[in-house]
PDB file of N, CA and C in Angstrom:
ATOM      1  N   MET A   1     -16.392   8.212 -30.197  1.00  0.00           N
ATOM      2  CA  MET A   1     -15.634   7.014 -30.499  1.00  0.00           C
ATOM      3  C   MET A   1     -16.106   6.497 -31.857  1.00  0.00           C
ATOM      4  N   ALA A   2     -15.186   6.085 -32.671  1.00  0.00           N
ATOM      5  CA  ALA A   2     -15.521   5.580 -33.995  1.00  0.00           C
ATOM      6  C   ALA A   2     -16.247   4.249 -33.868  1.00  0.00           C
ATOM      7  N   ALA A   3     -16.990   3.906 -34.898  1.00  0.00           N
ATOM      8  CA  ALA A   3     -17.811   2.695 -34.859  1.00  0.00           C
ATOM      9  C   ALA A   3     -16.972   1.426 -34.782  1.00  0.00           C
ATOM     10  N   ASN A   4     -15.804   1.422 -35.399  1.00  0.00           N
ATOM     11  CA  ASN A   4     -15.005   0.201 -35.405  1.00  0.00           C
ATOM     12  C   ASN A   4     -13.776   0.298 -34.491  1.00  0.00           C
ATOM     13  N   ALA A   5     -13.741   1.274 -33.590  1.00  0.00           N
ATOM     14  CA  ALA A   5     -12.629   1.380 -32.634  1.00  0.00           C
ATOM     15  C   ALA A   5     -12.874   0.407 -31.477  1.00  0.00           C
ATOM     16  N   PRO A   6     -11.827  -0.259 -31.005  1.00  0.00           N
ATOM     17  CA  PRO A   6     -12.011  -1.210 -29.896  1.00  0.00           C
ATOM     18  C   PRO A   6     -12.340  -0.478 -28.594  1.00  0.00           C
ATOM     19  N   ASP A   7     -13.138  -1.124 -27.788  1.00  0.00           N
ATOM     20  CA  ASP A   7     -13.483  -0.584 -26.479  1.00  0.00           C
ATOM     21  C   ASP A   7     -12.239  -0.675 -25.589  1.00  0.00           C
ATOM     22  N   PRO A   8     -11.773   0.446 -25.003  1.00  0.00           N
ATOM     23  CA  PRO A   8     -10.539   0.398 -24.208  1.00  0.00           C
ATOM     24  C   PRO A   8     -10.665  -0.433 -22.933  1.00  0.00           C
ATOM     25  N   HIS A   9     -11.889  -0.724 -22.488  1.00  0.00           N
ATOM     26  CA  HIS A   9     -12.093  -1.495 -21.264  1.00  0.00           C
ATOM     27  C   HIS A   9     -12.414  -2.959 -21.544  1.00  0.00           C
ATOM     28  N   SER A  10     -12.453  -3.343 -22.786  1.00  0.00           N
ATOM     29  CA  SER A  10     -12.791  -4.718 -23.158  1.00  0.00           C
ATOM     30  C   SER A  10     -11.629  -5.650 -22.862  1.00  0.00           C
ATOM     31  N   LYS A  11     -11.985  -6.886 -22.455  1.00  0.00           N
ATOM     32  CA  LYS A  11     -10.932  -7.878 -22.217  1.00  0.00           C
ATOM     33  C   LYS A  11     -10.284  -8.323 -23.523  1.00  0.00           C
ATOM     34  N   ASP A  12     -10.935  -8.046 -24.655  1.00  0.00           N
ATOM     35  CA  ASP A  12     -10.370  -8.407 -25.950  1.00  0.00           C
ATOM     36  C   ASP A  12      -9.369  -7.379 -26.449  1.00  0.00           C
ATOM     37  N   ASN A  13      -9.298  -6.226 -25.780  1.00  0.00           N
ATOM     38  CA  ASN A  13      -8.362  -5.189 -26.173  1.00  0.00           C
ATOM     39  C   ASN A  13      -6.947  -5.661 -25.835  1.00  0.00           C
ATOM     40  N   PRO A  14      -6.044  -5.709 -26.817  1.00  0.00           N
ATOM     41  CA  PRO A  14      -4.694  -6.211 -26.555  1.00  0.00           C
ATOM     42  C   PRO A  14      -3.930  -5.375 -25.532  1.00  0.00           C
ATOM     43  N   GLU A  15      -4.309  -4.111 -25.348  1.00  0.00           N
ATOM     44  CA  GLU A  15      -3.615  -3.263 -24.377  1.00  0.00           C
ATOM     45  C   GLU A  15      -3.915  -3.690 -22.945  1.00  0.00           C
ATOM     46  N   ASN A  16      -4.989  -4.456 -22.712  1.00  0.00           N
ATOM     47  CA  ASN A  16      -5.358  -4.903 -21.372  1.00  0.00           C
ATOM     48  C   ASN A  16      -4.783  -6.269 -21.030  1.00  0.00           C
ATOM     49  N   ARG A  17      -3.875  -6.773 -21.833  1.00  0.00           N
ATOM     50  CA  ARG A  17      -3.285  -8.090 -21.594  1.00  0.00           C
ATOM     51  C   ARG A  17      -1.783  -7.930 -21.382  1.00  0.00           C
ATOM     52  N   ASP A  18      -1.208  -8.841 -20.578  1.00  0.00           N
ATOM     53  CA  ASP A  18       0.235  -8.817 -20.396  1.00  0.00           C
ATOM     54  C   ASP A  18       0.894  -9.692 -21.454  1.00  0.00           C
ATOM     55  N   ALA A  19       2.194  -9.903 -21.324  1.00  0.00           N
ATOM     56  CA  ALA A  19       2.943 -10.645 -22.339  1.00  0.00           C
ATOM     57  C   ALA A  19       2.482 -12.090 -22.463  1.00  0.00           C
ATOM     58  N   SER A  20       1.964 -12.673 -21.380  1.00  0.00           N
ATOM     59  CA  SER A  20       1.520 -14.061 -21.435  1.00  0.00           C
ATOM     60  C   SER A  20       0.072 -14.194 -21.903  1.00  0.00           C
ATOM     61  N   GLY A  21      -0.599 -13.083 -22.156  1.00  0.00           N
ATOM     62  CA  GLY A  21      -1.963 -13.132 -22.671  1.00  0.00           C
ATOM     63  C   GLY A  21      -3.036 -13.031 -21.607  1.00  0.00           C
ATOM     64  N   ARG A  22      -2.653 -12.865 -20.344  1.00  0.00           N
ATOM     65  CA  ARG A  22      -3.645 -12.752 -19.276  1.00  0.00           C
ATOM     66  C   ARG A  22      -4.120 -11.317 -19.145  1.00  0.00           C
ATOM     67  N   THR A  23      -5.363 -11.158 -18.759  1.00  0.00           N
ATOM     68  CA  THR A  23      -5.875  -9.820 -18.510  1.00  0.00           C
ATOM     69  C   THR A  23      -5.354  -9.324 -17.167  1.00  0.00           C
ATOM     70  N   ASN A  24      -5.461  -8.028 -16.963  1.00  0.00           N
ATOM     71  CA  ASN A  24      -5.025  -7.454 -15.687  1.00  0.00           C
ATOM     72  C   ASN A  24      -5.829  -8.035 -14.530  1.00  0.00           C
ATOM     73  N   TRP A  25      -7.134  -8.235 -14.740  1.00  0.00           N
ATOM     74  CA  TRP A  25      -7.989  -8.794 -13.682  1.00  0.00           C
ATOM     75  C   TRP A  25      -7.609 -10.234 -13.381  1.00  0.00           C
ATOM     76  N   GLY A  26      -7.282 -10.985 -14.399  1.00  0.00           N
ATOM     77  CA  GLY A  26      -6.880 -12.380 -14.192  1.00  0.00           C
ATOM     78  C   GLY A  26      -5.580 -12.478 -13.417  1.00  0.00           C
ATOM     79  N   GLN A  27      -4.647 -11.605 -13.729  1.00  0.00           N
ATOM     80  CA  GLN A  27      -3.375 -11.610 -13.018  1.00  0.00           C
ATOM     81  C   GLN A  27      -3.572 -11.151 -11.575  1.00  0.00           C
ATOM     82  N   MET A  28      -4.438 -10.164 -11.370  1.00  0.00           N
ATOM     83  CA  MET A  28      -4.715  -9.711 -10.010  1.00  0.00           C
ATOM     84  C   MET A  28      -5.376 -10.826  -9.196  1.00  0.00           C
ATOM     85  N   GLY A  29      -6.219 -11.617  -9.828  1.00  0.00           N
ATOM     86  CA  GLY A  29      -6.855 -12.748  -9.152  1.00  0.00           C
ATOM     87  C   GLY A  29      -5.844 -13.791  -8.705  1.00  0.00           C
ATOM     88  N   ASN A  30      -4.832 -14.018  -9.537  1.00  0.00           N
ATOM     89  CA  ASN A  30      -3.787 -14.976  -9.158  1.00  0.00           C
ATOM     90  C   ASN A  30      -3.029 -14.515  -7.921  1.00  0.00           C
ATOM     91  N   TYR A  31      -2.754 -13.220  -7.849  1.00  0.00           N
ATOM     92  CA  TYR A  31      -2.038 -12.700  -6.678  1.00  0.00           C
ATOM     93  C   TYR A  31      -2.952 -12.604  -5.468  1.00  0.00           C
ATOM     94  N   ALA A  32      -4.230 -12.339  -5.672  1.00  0.00           N
ATOM     95  CA  ALA A  32      -5.166 -12.240  -4.553  1.00  0.00           C
ATOM     96  C   ALA A  32      -5.362 -13.591  -3.876  1.00  0.00           C
ATOM     97  N   GLN A  33      -5.210 -14.670  -4.615  1.00  0.00           N
ATOM     98  CA  GLN A  33      -5.359 -15.994  -3.997  1.00  0.00           C
ATOM     99  C   GLN A  33      -4.293 -16.227  -2.937  1.00  0.00           C
ATOM    100  N   LEU A  34      -3.159 -15.548  -3.048  1.00  0.00           N
ATOM    101  CA  LEU A  34      -2.107 -15.710  -2.048  1.00  0.00           C
ATOM    102  C   LEU A  34      -2.540 -15.197  -0.686  1.00  0.00           C
ATOM    103  N   ALA A  35      -3.486 -14.248  -0.658  1.00  0.00           N
ATOM    104  CA  ALA A  35      -3.995 -13.743   0.614  1.00  0.00           C
ATOM    105  C   ALA A  35      -4.716 -14.847   1.385  1.00  0.00           C
ATOM    106  N   PHE A  36      -5.184 -15.861   0.692  1.00  0.00           N
ATOM    107  CA  PHE A  36      -5.860 -16.988   1.340  1.00  0.00           C
ATOM    108  C   PHE A  36      -4.935 -18.202   1.480  1.00  0.00           C
ATOM    109  N   VAL A  37      -4.113 -18.445   0.472  1.00  0.00           N
ATOM    110  CA  VAL A  37      -3.275 -19.645   0.449  1.00  0.00           C
ATOM    111  C   VAL A  37      -2.187 -19.588   1.518  1.00  0.00           C
ATOM    112  N   PHE A  38      -1.543 -18.453   1.676  1.00  0.00           N
ATOM    113  CA  PHE A  38      -0.435 -18.364   2.627  1.00  0.00           C
ATOM    114  C   PHE A  38      -0.900 -18.601   4.064  1.00  0.00           C
ATOM    115  N   PRO A  39      -1.936 -17.901   4.547  1.00  0.00           N
ATOM    116  CA  PRO A  39      -2.390 -18.196   5.915  1.00  0.00           C
ATOM    117  C   PRO A  39      -2.994 -19.595   6.053  1.00  0.00           C
ATOM    118  N   ALA A  40      -3.673 -20.068   5.018  1.00  0.00           N
ATOM    119  CA  ALA A  40      -4.278 -21.401   5.099  1.00  0.00           C
ATOM    120  C   ALA A  40      -3.196 -22.469   5.228  1.00  0.00           C
ATOM    121  N   ALA A  41      -2.117 -22.345   4.466  1.00  0.00           N
ATOM    122  CA  ALA A  41      -1.025 -23.324   4.557  1.00  0.00           C
ATOM    123  C   ALA A  41      -0.402 -23.297   5.946  1.00  0.00           C
ATOM    124  N   THR A  42      -0.264 -22.112   6.504  1.00  0.00           N
ATOM    125  CA  THR A  42       0.312 -21.986   7.844  1.00  0.00           C
ATOM    126  C   THR A  42      -0.584 -22.647   8.892  1.00  0.00           C
ATOM    127  N   VAL A  43      -1.877 -22.353   8.824  1.00  0.00           N
ATOM    128  CA  VAL A  43      -2.817 -22.918   9.802  1.00  0.00           C
ATOM    129  C   VAL A  43      -2.925 -24.433   9.652  1.00  0.00           C
ATOM    130  N   ILE A  44      -2.967 -24.923   8.429  1.00  0.00           N
ATOM    131  CA  ILE A  44      -3.068 -26.370   8.203  1.00  0.00           C
ATOM    132  C   ILE A  44      -1.821 -27.080   8.731  1.00  0.00           C
ATOM    133  N   GLY A  45      -0.637 -26.497   8.486  1.00  0.00           N
ATOM    134  CA  GLY A  45       0.589 -27.088   9.029  1.00  0.00           C
ATOM    135  C   GLY A  45       0.573 -27.118  10.545  1.00  0.00           C
ATOM    136  N   TRP A  46       0.094 -26.037  11.160  1.00  0.00           N
ATOM    137  CA  TRP A  46       0.002 -25.982  12.617  1.00  0.00           C
ATOM    138  C   TRP A  46      -0.981 -27.033  13.141  1.00  0.00           C
ATOM    139  N   LEU A  47      -2.142 -27.152  12.485  1.00  0.00           N
ATOM    140  CA  LEU A  47      -3.137 -28.127  12.925  1.00  0.00           C
ATOM    141  C   LEU A  47      -2.627 -29.558  12.813  1.00  0.00           C
ATOM    142  N   ILE A  48      -1.906 -29.842  11.740  1.00  0.00           N
ATOM    143  CA  ILE A  48      -1.327 -31.181  11.600  1.00  0.00           C
ATOM    144  C   ILE A  48      -0.317 -31.430  12.724  1.00  0.00           C
ATOM    145  N   GLY A  49       0.492 -30.416  13.038  1.00  0.00           N
ATOM    146  CA  GLY A  49       1.445 -30.556  14.136  1.00  0.00           C
ATOM    147  C   GLY A  49       0.763 -30.769  15.476  1.00  0.00           C
ATOM    148  N   VAL A  50      -0.337 -30.030  15.733  1.00  0.00           N
ATOM    149  CA  VAL A  50      -1.081 -30.205  16.987  1.00  0.00           C
ATOM    150  C   VAL A  50      -1.680 -31.609  17.047  1.00  0.00           C
ATOM    151  N   GLY A  51      -2.217 -32.068  15.930  1.00  0.00           N
ATOM    152  CA  GLY A  51      -2.774 -33.422  15.886  1.00  0.00           C
ATOM    153  C   GLY A  51      -1.723 -34.485  16.164  1.00  0.00           C
ATOM    154  N   LEU A  52      -0.549 -34.305  15.576  1.00  0.00           N
ATOM    155  CA  LEU A  52       0.540 -35.258  15.840  1.00  0.00           C
ATOM    156  C   LEU A  52       0.999 -35.184  17.292  1.00  0.00           C
ATOM    157  N   ASP A  53       1.005 -33.975  17.859  1.00  0.00           N
ATOM    158  CA  ASP A  53       1.359 -33.831  19.277  1.00  0.00           C
ATOM    159  C   ASP A  53       0.409 -34.624  20.168  1.00  0.00           C
ATOM    160  N   LYS A  54      -0.871 -34.509  19.901  1.00  0.00           N
ATOM    161  CA  LYS A  54      -1.859 -35.225  20.717  1.00  0.00           C
ATOM    162  C   LYS A  54      -1.748 -36.738  20.512  1.00  0.00           C
ATOM    163  N   TRP A  55      -1.539 -37.150  19.276  1.00  0.00           N
ATOM    164  CA  TRP A  55      -1.481 -38.570  18.957  1.00  0.00           C
ATOM    165  C   TRP A  55      -0.231 -39.227  19.538  1.00  0.00           C
ATOM    166  N   LEU A  56       0.908 -38.519  19.445  1.00  0.00           N
ATOM    167  CA  LEU A  56       2.179 -39.090  19.888  1.00  0.00           C
ATOM    168  C   LEU A  56       2.566 -38.646  21.304  1.00  0.00           C
ATOM    169  N   HIS A  57       1.713 -37.875  21.947  1.00  0.00           N
ATOM    170  CA  HIS A  57       1.951 -37.397  23.321  1.00  0.00           C
ATOM    171  C   HIS A  57       3.274 -36.641  23.433  1.00  0.00           C
ATOM    172  N   THR A  58       3.469 -35.703  22.504  1.00  0.00           N
ATOM    173  CA  THR A  58       4.645 -34.836  22.536  1.00  0.00           C
ATOM    174  C   THR A  58       4.187 -33.398  22.720  1.00  0.00           C
ATOM    175  N   THR A  59       5.137 -32.485  22.833  1.00  0.00           N
ATOM    176  CA  THR A  59       4.778 -31.072  23.003  1.00  0.00           C
ATOM    177  C   THR A  59       5.500 -30.157  22.034  1.00  0.00           C
ATOM    178  N   TRP A  60       6.213 -30.685  21.065  1.00  0.00           N
ATOM    179  CA  TRP A  60       7.003 -29.846  20.183  1.00  0.00           C
ATOM    180  C   TRP A  60       6.684 -30.003  18.694  1.00  0.00           C
ATOM    181  N   LEU A  61       5.908 -30.974  18.310  1.00  0.00           N
ATOM    182  CA  LEU A  61       5.654 -31.205  16.879  1.00  0.00           C
ATOM    183  C   LEU A  61       4.812 -30.105  16.238  1.00  0.00           C
ATOM    184  N   TYR A  62       4.062 -29.362  17.037  1.00  0.00           N
ATOM    185  CA  TYR A  62       3.282 -28.263  16.452  1.00  0.00           C
ATOM    186  C   TYR A  62       4.202 -27.219  15.834  1.00  0.00           C
ATOM    187  N   ILE A  63       5.394 -27.045  16.406  1.00  0.00           N
ATOM    188  CA  ILE A  63       6.350 -26.083  15.851  1.00  0.00           C
ATOM    189  C   ILE A  63       6.846 -26.563  14.485  1.00  0.00           C
ATOM    190  N   VAL A  64       7.114 -27.854  14.375  1.00  0.00           N
ATOM    191  CA  VAL A  64       7.541 -28.424  13.090  1.00  0.00           C
ATOM    192  C   VAL A  64       6.437 -28.251  12.050  1.00  0.00           C
ATOM    193  N   GLY A  65       5.190 -28.536  12.441  1.00  0.00           N
ATOM    194  CA  GLY A  65       4.070 -28.359  11.523  1.00  0.00           C
ATOM    195  C   GLY A  65       3.905 -26.916  11.108  1.00  0.00           C
ATOM    196  N   LEU A  66       4.079 -25.999  12.045  1.00  0.00           N
ATOM    197  CA  LEU A  66       3.974 -24.573  11.745  1.00  0.00           C
ATOM    198  C   LEU A  66       5.044 -24.146  10.752  1.00  0.00           C
ATOM    199  N   ILE A  67       6.270 -24.582  10.984  1.00  0.00           N
ATOM    200  CA  ILE A  67       7.368 -24.225  10.076  1.00  0.00           C
ATOM    201  C   ILE A  67       7.145 -24.823   8.691  1.00  0.00           C
ATOM    202  N   LEU A  68       6.692 -26.068   8.629  1.00  0.00           N
ATOM    203  CA  LEU A  68       6.418 -26.686   7.320  1.00  0.00           C
ATOM    204  C   LEU A  68       5.268 -25.982   6.603  1.00  0.00           C
ATOM    205  N   GLY A  69       4.264 -25.533   7.351  1.00  0.00           N
ATOM    206  CA  GLY A  69       3.166 -24.785   6.747  1.00  0.00           C
ATOM    207  C   GLY A  69       3.630 -23.454   6.175  1.00  0.00           C
ATOM    208  N   ILE A  70       4.492 -22.763   6.909  1.00  0.00           N
ATOM    209  CA  ILE A  70       5.036 -21.490   6.420  1.00  0.00           C
ATOM    210  C   ILE A  70       5.877 -21.726   5.169  1.00  0.00           C
ATOM    211  N   ILE A  71       6.680 -22.776   5.181  1.00  0.00           N
ATOM    212  CA  ILE A  71       7.488 -23.106   3.996  1.00  0.00           C
ATOM    213  C   ILE A  71       6.588 -23.408   2.803  1.00  0.00           C
ATOM    214  N   ALA A  72       5.511 -24.154   3.028  1.00  0.00           N
ATOM    215  CA  ALA A  72       4.577 -24.462   1.940  1.00  0.00           C
ATOM    216  C   ALA A  72       3.951 -23.185   1.392  1.00  0.00           C
ATOM    217  N   GLY A  73       3.628 -22.233   2.269  1.00  0.00           N
ATOM    218  CA  GLY A  73       3.083 -20.951   1.816  1.00  0.00           C
ATOM    219  C   GLY A  73       4.073 -20.188   0.958  1.00  0.00           C
ATOM    220  N   PHE A  74       5.339 -20.180   1.370  1.00  0.00           N
ATOM    221  CA  PHE A  74       6.351 -19.492   0.576  1.00  0.00           C
ATOM    222  C   PHE A  74       6.595 -20.190  -0.758  1.00  0.00           C
ATOM    223  N   VAL A  75       6.545 -21.513  -0.764  1.00  0.00           N
ATOM    224  CA  VAL A  75       6.711 -22.246  -2.028  1.00  0.00           C
ATOM    225  C   VAL A  75       5.593 -21.861  -3.004  1.00  0.00           C
ATOM    226  N   GLU A  76       4.375 -21.775  -2.512  1.00  0.00           N
ATOM    227  CA  GLU A  76       3.260 -21.379  -3.383  1.00  0.00           C
ATOM    228  C   GLU A  76       3.414 -19.934  -3.849  1.00  0.00           C
ATOM    229  N   LEU A  77       3.913 -19.063  -2.988  1.00  0.00           N
ATOM    230  CA  LEU A  77       4.171 -17.683  -3.359  1.00  0.00           C
ATOM    231  C   LEU A  77       5.192 -17.621  -4.490  1.00  0.00           C
ATOM    232  N   ILE A  78       6.276 -18.368  -4.364  1.00  0.00           N
ATOM    233  CA  ILE A  78       7.328 -18.373  -5.392  1.00  0.00           C
ATOM    234  C   ILE A  78       6.799 -18.965  -6.690  1.00  0.00           C
ATOM    235  N   ARG A  79       5.994 -20.039  -6.605  1.00  0.00           N
ATOM    236  CA  ARG A  79       5.426 -20.635  -7.826  1.00  0.00           C
ATOM    237  C   ARG A  79       4.510 -19.654  -8.538  1.00  0.00           C
ATOM    238  N   THR A  80       3.694 -18.930  -7.792  1.00  0.00           N
ATOM    239  CA  THR A  80       2.763 -17.981  -8.408  1.00  0.00           C
ATOM    240  C   THR A  80       3.514 -16.844  -9.069  1.00  0.00           C
ATOM    241  N   VAL A  81       4.515 -16.307  -8.398  1.00  0.00           N
ATOM    242  CA  VAL A  81       5.288 -15.211  -8.959  1.00  0.00           C
ATOM    243  C   VAL A  81       6.065 -15.679 -10.192  1.00  0.00           C
ATOM    244  N   ALA A  82       6.656 -16.871 -10.131  1.00  0.00           N
ATOM    245  CA  ALA A  82       7.425 -17.389 -11.272  1.00  0.00           C
ATOM    246  C   ALA A  82       6.496 -17.678 -12.458  1.00  0.00           C
ATOM    247  N   LYS A  83       5.289 -18.142 -12.165  1.00  0.00           N
ATOM    248  CA  LYS A  83       4.350 -18.447 -13.259  1.00  0.00           C
ATOM    249  C   LYS A  83       3.897 -17.165 -13.956  1.00  0.00           C
ATOM    250  N   ASN A  84       3.790 -16.070 -13.221  1.00  0.00           N
ATOM    251  CA  ASN A  84       3.292 -14.816 -13.787  1.00  0.00           C
ATOM    252  C   ASN A  84       4.400 -13.918 -14.317  1.00  0.00           C
ATOM    253  N   SER A  85       5.653 -14.348 -14.214  1.00  0.00           N
ATOM    254  CA  SER A  85       6.764 -13.533 -14.703  1.00  0.00           C
ATOM    255  C   SER A  85       7.052 -13.844 -16.147  1.00  0.00           C
TER     256      SER A  85
END
């Protein structure tokens, strides 16, 4: 390798960046967060629904919380994909 040739594995190498200037690892990190955000949003929505069920003495609000949690997960998925496109 020549003395002044760029390192092909360096984050400063323009070939390792996408059109928005992010490195491949940075973009992969953004998508990997969805593995945690999507289930977390679902579980949090379900827990809020269960809490409301206990507080209001109902038996169906957990389903509403679950559906809202799933919707929140999909909204975050769409935002992440749109931000990286």
